[in-house]
Amino acid sequence: MSELYYYYTFNFLSFPIQDIPLEQPQVQPTSMSDLQKRILKSEAALSQKEEENTALREQLRQFEERWSEYDIKMKSMEETWQKQMSSLQVKCLPGYESPFTYCISKVF
């Protein structure tokens, strides 16, 4: 029979409330080998999940890198578009004479 261990549960005044016996479980040899097999399977599954997580982290890093490049490209395109719009607005102002219009008026 196994040894009994007791521990005391204390209330807020630190007085013992009850004694609870704790037994150390006896492990049978067949269940020990089963437990070892389960441990090996769990370790293998953990290792596989860690490899999957590493691969997913790498994919995420690559996606973030591509997204950053895309974001930079889009900001550049937006800036170019804004400059073109500003230029068109200025050219549409009354009294604005473009170089093309100036050249045509001088020739004819």
C-alpha atoms as a PDB file:
ATOM      1  CA  MET A   1       0.000   0.000   0.000  1.00  0.00           C
ATOM      2  CA  SER A   2       1.240   3.476  -0.780  1.00  0.00           C
ATOM      3  CA  GLU A   3       2.165   6.095   1.737  1.00  0.00           C
ATOM      4  CA  LEU A   4      -0.455   8.638   2.586  1.00  0.00           C
ATOM      5  CA  TYR A   5       0.357  12.281   2.359  1.00  0.00           C
ATOM      6  CA  TYR A   6      -1.693  14.913   4.050  1.00  0.00           C
ATOM      7  CA  TYR A   7      -1.904  18.550   3.415  1.00  0.00           C
ATOM      8  CA  TYR A   8      -3.766  21.167   5.311  1.00  0.00           C
ATOM      9  CA  THR A   9      -6.199  23.579   3.789  1.00  0.00           C
ATOM     10  CA  PHE A  10      -6.164  26.842   5.674  1.00  0.00           C
ATOM     11  CA  ASN A  11      -8.839  29.488   5.828  1.00  0.00           C
ATOM     12  CA  PHE A  12      -8.150  33.191   6.020  1.00  0.00           C
ATOM     13  CA  LEU A  13      -7.214  32.913   9.719  1.00  0.00           C
ATOM     14  CA  SER A  14      -4.682  30.147   8.958  1.00  0.00           C
ATOM     15  CA  PHE A  15      -6.521  27.471  10.950  1.00  0.00           C
ATOM     16  CA  PRO A  16      -6.662  23.937   9.582  1.00  0.00           C
ATOM     17  CA  ILE A  17     -10.074  23.159   8.109  1.00  0.00           C
ATOM     18  CA  GLN A  18      -9.691  19.591   6.947  1.00  0.00           C
ATOM     19  CA  ASP A  19      -7.166  16.852   6.270  1.00  0.00           C
ATOM     20  CA  ILE A  20      -7.268  15.394   2.767  1.00  0.00           C
ATOM     21  CA  PRO A  21      -5.326  12.202   2.154  1.00  0.00           C
ATOM     22  CA  LEU A  22      -3.326  12.119  -1.069  1.00  0.00           C
ATOM     23  CA  GLU A  23      -2.183   8.774  -2.393  1.00  0.00           C
ATOM     24  CA  GLN A  24       0.683   8.327  -4.771  1.00  0.00           C
ATOM     25  CA  PRO A  25      -0.679   6.271  -7.642  1.00  0.00           C
ATOM     26  CA  GLN A  26       1.014   2.993  -8.438  1.00  0.00           C
ATOM     27  CA  VAL A  27       1.701   2.591 -12.153  1.00  0.00           C
ATOM     28  CA  GLN A  28       1.538  -0.907 -13.603  1.00  0.00           C
ATOM     29  CA  PRO A  29       4.333  -1.913 -16.012  1.00  0.00           C
ATOM     30  CA  THR A  30       1.914  -2.336 -18.962  1.00  0.00           C
ATOM     31  CA  SER A  31       0.390   1.067 -18.401  1.00  0.00           C
ATOM     32  CA  MET A  32       3.898   2.523 -18.043  1.00  0.00           C
ATOM     33  CA  SER A  33       4.805   1.377 -21.552  1.00  0.00           C
ATOM     34  CA  ASP A  34       1.469   2.719 -22.802  1.00  0.00           C
ATOM     35  CA  LEU A  35       2.241   6.046 -21.168  1.00  0.00           C
ATOM     36  CA  GLN A  36       5.692   6.104 -22.759  1.00  0.00           C
ATOM     37  CA  LYS A  37       4.144   5.413 -26.181  1.00  0.00           C
ATOM     38  CA  ARG A  38       1.662   8.230 -25.631  1.00  0.00           C
ATOM     39  CA  ILE A  39       4.501  10.540 -24.623  1.00  0.00           C
ATOM     40  CA  LEU A  40       6.431   9.684 -27.795  1.00  0.00           C
ATOM     41  CA  LYS A  41       3.333  10.254 -29.948  1.00  0.00           C
ATOM     42  CA  SER A  42       2.657  13.556 -28.199  1.00  0.00           C
ATOM     43  CA  GLU A  43       6.251  14.684 -28.662  1.00  0.00           C
ATOM     44  CA  ALA A  44       6.136  13.753 -32.360  1.00  0.00           C
ATOM     45  CA  ALA A  45       2.844  15.629 -32.794  1.00  0.00           C
ATOM     46  CA  LEU A  46       4.281  18.632 -30.962  1.00  0.00           C
ATOM     47  CA  SER A  47       7.365  18.601 -33.175  1.00  0.00           C
ATOM     48  CA  GLN A  48       5.194  18.446 -36.303  1.00  0.00           C
ATOM     49  CA  LYS A  49       3.033  21.351 -35.075  1.00  0.00           C
ATOM     50  CA  GLU A  50       6.140  23.405 -34.320  1.00  0.00           C
ATOM     51  CA  GLU A  51       7.387  22.780 -37.881  1.00  0.00           C
ATOM     52  CA  GLU A  52       3.973  23.787 -39.258  1.00  0.00           C
ATOM     53  CA  ASN A  53       4.012  26.949 -37.136  1.00  0.00           C
ATOM     54  CA  THR A  54       7.500  27.797 -38.401  1.00  0.00           C
ATOM     55  CA  ALA A  55       6.343  27.372 -42.014  1.00  0.00           C
ATOM     56  CA  LEU A  56       3.248  29.504 -41.348  1.00  0.00           C
ATOM     57  CA  ARG A  57       5.350  32.229 -39.728  1.00  0.00           C
ATOM     58  CA  GLU A  58       7.586  32.280 -42.825  1.00  0.00           C
ATOM     59  CA  GLN A  59       4.546  32.525 -45.094  1.00  0.00           C
ATOM     60  CA  LEU A  60       3.190  35.372 -42.972  1.00  0.00           C
ATOM     61  CA  ARG A  61       6.529  37.188 -43.169  1.00  0.00           C
ATOM     62  CA  GLN A  62       6.531  36.839 -46.955  1.00  0.00           C
ATOM     63  CA  PHE A  63       2.936  38.100 -47.204  1.00  0.00           C
ATOM     64  CA  GLU A  64       3.754  41.075 -45.003  1.00  0.00           C
ATOM     65  CA  GLU A  65       6.811  41.846 -47.135  1.00  0.00           C
ATOM     66  CA  ARG A  66       4.768  41.697 -50.352  1.00  0.00           C
ATOM     67  CA  TRP A  67       2.023  43.793 -48.750  1.00  0.00           C
ATOM     68  CA  SER A  68       4.589  46.409 -47.766  1.00  0.00           C
ATOM     69  CA  GLU A  69       5.943  46.517 -51.323  1.00  0.00           C
ATOM     70  CA  TYR A  70       2.391  46.790 -52.688  1.00  0.00           C
ATOM     71  CA  ASP A  71       1.592  49.577 -50.226  1.00  0.00           C
ATOM     72  CA  ILE A  72       4.705  51.552 -51.270  1.00  0.00           C
ATOM     73  CA  LYS A  73       3.826  51.091 -54.938  1.00  0.00           C
ATOM     74  CA  MET A  74       0.224  52.220 -54.375  1.00  0.00           C
ATOM     75  CA  LYS A  75       1.333  55.327 -52.448  1.00  0.00           C
ATOM     76  CA  SER A  76       3.717  56.210 -55.276  1.00  0.00           C
ATOM     77  CA  MET A  77       0.964  55.750 -57.857  1.00  0.00           C
ATOM     78  CA  GLU A  78      -1.431  57.862 -55.782  1.00  0.00           C
ATOM     79  CA  GLU A  79       1.177  60.626 -55.489  1.00  0.00           C
ATOM     80  CA  THR A  80       1.720  60.569 -59.272  1.00  0.00           C
ATOM     81  CA  TRP A  81      -2.030  60.673 -59.838  1.00  0.00           C
ATOM     82  CA  GLN A  82      -2.395  63.644 -57.473  1.00  0.00           C
ATOM     83  CA  LYS A  83       0.366  65.520 -59.323  1.00  0.00           C
ATOM     84  CA  GLN A  84      -1.288  64.807 -62.677  1.00  0.00           C
ATOM     85  CA  MET A  85      -4.675  65.965 -61.375  1.00  0.00           C
ATOM     86  CA  SER A  86      -3.145  69.179 -60.034  1.00  0.00           C
ATOM     87  CA  SER A  87      -1.430  69.784 -63.370  1.00  0.00           C
ATOM     88  CA  LEU A  88      -4.689  69.218 -65.263  1.00  0.00           C
ATOM     89  CA  GLN A  89      -6.564  71.570 -62.958  1.00  0.00           C
ATOM     90  CA  VAL A  90      -3.998  74.311 -63.561  1.00  0.00           C
ATOM     91  CA  LYS A  91      -4.158  73.745 -67.321  1.00  0.00           C
ATOM     92  CA  CYS A  92      -7.941  74.052 -67.257  1.00  0.00           C
ATOM     93  CA  LEU A  93      -7.836  77.488 -65.600  1.00  0.00           C
ATOM     94  CA  PRO A  94      -9.010  80.376 -67.808  1.00  0.00           C
ATOM     95  CA  GLY A  95      -6.114  82.312 -69.266  1.00  0.00           C
ATOM     96  CA  TYR A  96      -3.708  79.390 -69.088  1.00  0.00           C
ATOM     97  CA  GLU A  97      -1.834  79.067 -72.318  1.00  0.00           C
ATOM     98  CA  SER A  98      -0.141  75.742 -72.875  1.00  0.00           C
ATOM     99  CA  PRO A  99       3.105  75.513 -74.846  1.00  0.00           C
ATOM    100  CA  PHE A 100       1.208  73.732 -77.618  1.00  0.00           C
ATOM    101  CA  THR A 101      -1.365  76.530 -77.884  1.00  0.00           C
ATOM    102  CA  TYR A 102       1.420  79.118 -77.781  1.00  0.00           C
ATOM    103  CA  CYS A 103       3.290  77.391 -80.643  1.00  0.00           C
ATOM    104  CA  ILE A 104       0.173  77.118 -82.794  1.00  0.00           C
ATOM    105  CA  SER A 105      -0.747  80.791 -82.296  1.00  0.00           C
ATOM    106  CA  LYS A 106       2.757  81.873 -83.364  1.00  0.00           C
ATOM    107  CA  VAL A 107       2.750  79.683 -86.489  1.00  0.00           C
ATOM    108  CA  PHE A 108      -0.640  80.773 -87.781  1.00  0.00           C
END
